[in-house]
N, C-alpha and C. Protein backbone atom coordinates (compact mmCIF):
# COMPACT_ATOMS: atom_id res chain seq x y z
N MET A 1 -127.63 42.27 37.31
CA MET A 1 -126.12 42.32 37.21
C MET A 1 -126.90 44.19 37.51
N SER A 2 -126.25 44.82 38.73
CA SER A 2 -126.47 46.09 38.80
C SER A 2 -125.20 46.51 38.58
N ILE A 3 -125.81 47.82 37.78
CA ILE A 3 -124.91 49.04 36.99
C ILE A 3 -124.12 49.95 38.02
N PRO A 4 -122.85 49.72 37.76
CA PRO A 4 -122.00 50.59 39.05
C PRO A 4 -121.88 52.13 38.13
N TRP A 5 -123.59 52.67 38.86
CA TRP A 5 -123.38 53.94 39.00
C TRP A 5 -122.24 55.09 38.80
N GLY A 6 -121.81 54.83 40.42
CA GLY A 6 -120.48 55.41 40.87
C GLY A 6 -119.56 55.34 40.37
N ASP A 7 -119.57 54.47 39.32
CA ASP A 7 -118.27 54.89 38.24
C ASP A 7 -118.35 55.48 37.54
N HIS A 8 -119.46 56.16 36.66
CA HIS A 8 -119.74 56.92 36.05
C HIS A 8 -119.34 58.39 36.49
N LEU A 9 -119.81 58.50 37.80
CA LEU A 9 -119.33 59.48 38.36
C LEU A 9 -118.27 59.73 38.26
N ASP A 10 -117.20 58.84 38.95
CA ASP A 10 -115.56 59.07 39.10
C ASP A 10 -115.26 59.23 37.82
N LEU A 11 -115.68 58.42 36.79
CA LEU A 11 -115.04 58.91 35.33
C LEU A 11 -115.46 60.28 34.81
N ALA A 12 -116.61 61.07 35.55
CA ALA A 12 -116.50 62.57 35.07
C ALA A 12 -115.72 63.03 35.82
N ARG A 13 -115.06 62.98 36.67
CA ARG A 13 -114.29 63.67 37.51
C ARG A 13 -112.91 63.00 37.33
N CYS A 14 -112.71 62.41 37.15
CA CYS A 14 -111.29 62.02 35.80
C CYS A 14 -111.38 62.85 34.41
N VAL A 15 -112.35 62.65 33.47
CA VAL A 15 -112.72 63.80 32.56
C VAL A 15 -111.94 65.28 32.79
N SER A 16 -112.70 65.09 34.15
CA SER A 16 -112.44 67.06 34.54
C SER A 16 -111.23 66.77 34.74
N LEU A 17 -110.40 66.48 35.37
CA LEU A 17 -109.29 66.72 36.00
C LEU A 17 -107.99 66.39 34.71
N ILE A 18 -108.73 65.66 33.52
CA ILE A 18 -107.49 65.88 32.33
C ILE A 18 -107.81 66.95 31.76
N GLY A 19 -109.08 67.64 31.53
CA GLY A 19 -109.15 68.59 30.91
C GLY A 19 -108.40 70.16 31.92
N GLU A 20 -107.76 70.03 32.62
CA GLU A 20 -107.14 71.06 32.84
C GLU A 20 -106.04 70.93 32.20
N ASN A 21 -105.55 70.23 31.93
CA ASN A 21 -104.01 69.74 31.29
C ASN A 21 -104.29 69.69 29.72
N ASP A 22 -105.04 68.92 29.28
CA ASP A 22 -105.36 68.33 28.09
C ASP A 22 -106.57 68.16 27.09
N LEU A 23 -107.01 69.11 26.81
CA LEU A 23 -108.66 69.43 26.36
C LEU A 23 -108.51 68.24 24.97
N GLY A 24 -108.21 67.82 24.72
CA GLY A 24 -108.35 67.07 23.31
C GLY A 24 -108.06 65.51 23.58
N GLU A 25 -107.41 65.42 25.04
CA GLU A 25 -107.18 63.91 25.45
C GLU A 25 -108.74 63.89 26.43
N ALA A 26 -109.30 65.52 27.26
CA ALA A 26 -110.37 65.68 27.83
C ALA A 26 -111.48 64.57 27.01
N THR A 27 -111.69 65.66 25.70
CA THR A 27 -112.74 65.13 24.71
C THR A 27 -113.14 63.56 24.35
N THR A 28 -111.56 63.31 24.04
CA THR A 28 -111.49 61.61 23.86
C THR A 28 -112.20 60.93 25.12
N ALA A 29 -111.94 61.50 26.03
CA ALA A 29 -112.22 60.39 27.01
C ALA A 29 -113.25 60.35 27.74
N MET A 30 -113.67 62.01 27.18
CA MET A 30 -115.82 61.92 27.80
C MET A 30 -116.63 61.40 26.32
N GLY A 31 -115.86 61.27 25.42
CA GLY A 31 -116.64 60.31 24.59
C GLY A 31 -116.40 58.76 24.58
N ARG A 32 -115.17 58.31 24.92
CA ARG A 32 -115.59 57.33 26.06
C ARG A 32 -116.73 57.12 26.86
N CYS A 33 -116.11 57.98 27.80
CA CYS A 33 -117.31 57.27 28.62
C CYS A 33 -118.79 57.92 28.21
N LEU A 34 -118.55 58.54 27.65
CA LEU A 34 -120.49 58.86 27.17
C LEU A 34 -120.86 57.63 26.27
N PHE A 35 -120.27 56.75 25.95
CA PHE A 35 -120.56 55.42 25.06
C PHE A 35 -120.95 54.75 25.98
N HIS A 36 -120.45 54.43 27.42
CA HIS A 36 -120.34 53.59 28.08
C HIS A 36 -121.64 53.83 28.72
N LEU A 37 -121.72 55.27 29.35
CA LEU A 37 -123.40 55.68 29.90
C LEU A 37 -124.53 54.79 29.51
N GLN A 38 -124.10 55.55 27.70
CA GLN A 38 -125.45 55.07 27.40
C GLN A 38 -125.69 53.79 27.34
N ARG A 39 -124.61 53.11 26.51
CA ARG A 39 -124.95 51.27 27.02
C ARG A 39 -125.71 51.21 28.16
N ASP A 40 -125.15 51.50 29.65
CA ASP A 40 -125.72 51.31 30.75
C ASP A 40 -126.88 52.24 30.85
N LEU A 41 -127.18 52.97 30.75
CA LEU A 41 -129.03 53.26 29.76
C LEU A 41 -129.52 52.94 29.47
N LEU A 42 -129.07 52.09 28.47
CA LEU A 42 -130.02 51.48 27.52
C LEU A 42 -130.30 49.80 28.10
N LEU A 43 -129.47 49.48 28.56
CA LEU A 43 -129.33 47.97 29.61
C LEU A 43 -130.63 48.38 30.79
N GLU A 44 -130.43 49.15 31.68
CA GLU A 44 -131.18 49.72 32.69
C GLU A 44 -132.69 49.95 32.07
N THR A 45 -132.56 50.57 31.13
CA THR A 45 -134.15 50.83 30.53
C THR A 45 -134.53 49.66 30.08
N TRP A 46 -134.36 48.45 29.05
CA TRP A 46 -134.40 47.16 29.06
C TRP A 46 -134.66 46.15 29.85
N SER A 47 -134.33 46.88 31.21
CA SER A 47 -134.34 45.78 32.55
C SER A 47 -135.35 45.98 33.03
N VAL A 48 -135.44 46.95 33.20
CA VAL A 48 -137.03 47.77 33.69
C VAL A 48 -138.73 47.54 33.20
N ARG A 49 -137.67 47.83 31.71
CA ARG A 49 -138.94 47.34 30.78
C ARG A 49 -139.55 46.00 30.72
N THR A 50 -138.50 45.05 30.75
CA THR A 50 -139.36 43.58 30.69
C THR A 50 -139.39 42.85 32.07
N GLU A 51 -139.63 43.86 33.01
CA GLU A 51 -139.56 42.89 34.28
C GLU A 51 -141.22 44.06 34.94
N GLU A 52 -141.86 45.13 33.54
CA GLU A 52 -142.99 45.47 34.25
C GLU A 52 -144.29 44.18 33.47
N PRO A 53 -144.99 44.33 34.58
CA PRO A 53 -146.49 43.17 34.28
C PRO A 53 -146.70 43.73 32.87
N PRO A 54 -147.67 43.03 32.34
CA PRO A 54 -148.14 43.53 30.82
C PRO A 54 -149.27 44.46 31.46
N MET A 55 -149.45 45.30 30.15
CA MET A 55 -150.14 46.65 30.37
C MET A 55 -151.98 45.42 30.08
N ALA A 56 -152.97 46.71 30.54
CA ALA A 56 -154.43 46.26 30.59
C ALA A 56 -154.93 46.41 29.16
N LEU A 57 -155.38 45.67 28.18
CA LEU A 57 -155.47 46.24 26.62
C LEU A 57 -156.93 47.03 26.92
N PRO A 58 -156.52 48.00 25.95
CA PRO A 58 -157.42 49.10 25.86
C PRO A 58 -159.05 48.38 25.31
N CYS A 59 -159.88 49.27 25.52
CA CYS A 59 -161.59 48.64 25.58
C CYS A 59 -161.63 48.59 23.46
N ALA A 60 -160.82 49.19 23.10
CA ALA A 60 -161.10 48.61 21.48
C ALA A 60 -160.32 47.38 21.10
N GLN A 61 -159.91 47.28 21.97
CA GLN A 61 -158.85 45.60 21.91
C GLN A 61 -159.62 44.63 22.15
N ILE A 62 -159.95 45.14 23.07
CA ILE A 62 -160.71 43.89 23.78
C ILE A 62 -162.32 43.56 23.27
N CYS A 63 -162.89 44.61 22.73
CA CYS A 63 -164.06 44.91 21.69
C CYS A 63 -163.89 43.62 20.85
N ALA A 64 -162.65 44.18 20.06
CA ALA A 64 -162.30 43.28 18.76
C ALA A 64 -162.05 42.11 19.27
N LYS A 65 -161.96 41.53 19.97
CA LYS A 65 -161.13 40.04 20.36
C LYS A 65 -162.15 39.37 21.00
N LEU A 66 -164.10 39.95 21.38
CA LEU A 66 -165.09 39.07 21.28
C LEU A 66 -165.77 38.61 20.44
N PRO A 67 -166.45 37.79 20.11
CA PRO A 67 -167.34 37.03 18.93
C PRO A 67 -168.31 38.40 18.72
N ALA A 68 -168.67 38.67 17.29
CA ALA A 68 -169.32 39.44 16.62
C ALA A 68 -170.59 38.79 17.60
N ASP A 69 -171.20 37.47 17.48
CA ASP A 69 -172.72 37.46 18.08
C ASP A 69 -173.09 38.33 19.45
N HIS A 70 -171.64 38.76 20.57
CA HIS A 70 -172.00 38.86 21.70
C HIS A 70 -172.46 40.72 21.42
N LEU A 71 -171.81 41.31 20.18
CA LEU A 71 -172.26 42.47 20.44
C LEU A 71 -173.62 42.96 20.30
N GLN A 72 -173.84 41.77 19.67
CA GLN A 72 -175.18 42.37 19.29
C GLN A 72 -175.89 42.49 20.31
């Protein structure tokens, strides 16, 4: 599921317009918008992280997995 990033921009514009009339209401709306933005950013981060190929093991971890007689 793709995240509608354009919707976040529309919400920011709405908060800006609300702020011209009522700062208290705009602050509340901004908090709600930031909550949804944070959620979407976490979902995006999670989806990017789970799609990455596994990283190569560092040399120390590779050597630790070798049998002891192989190192001699």
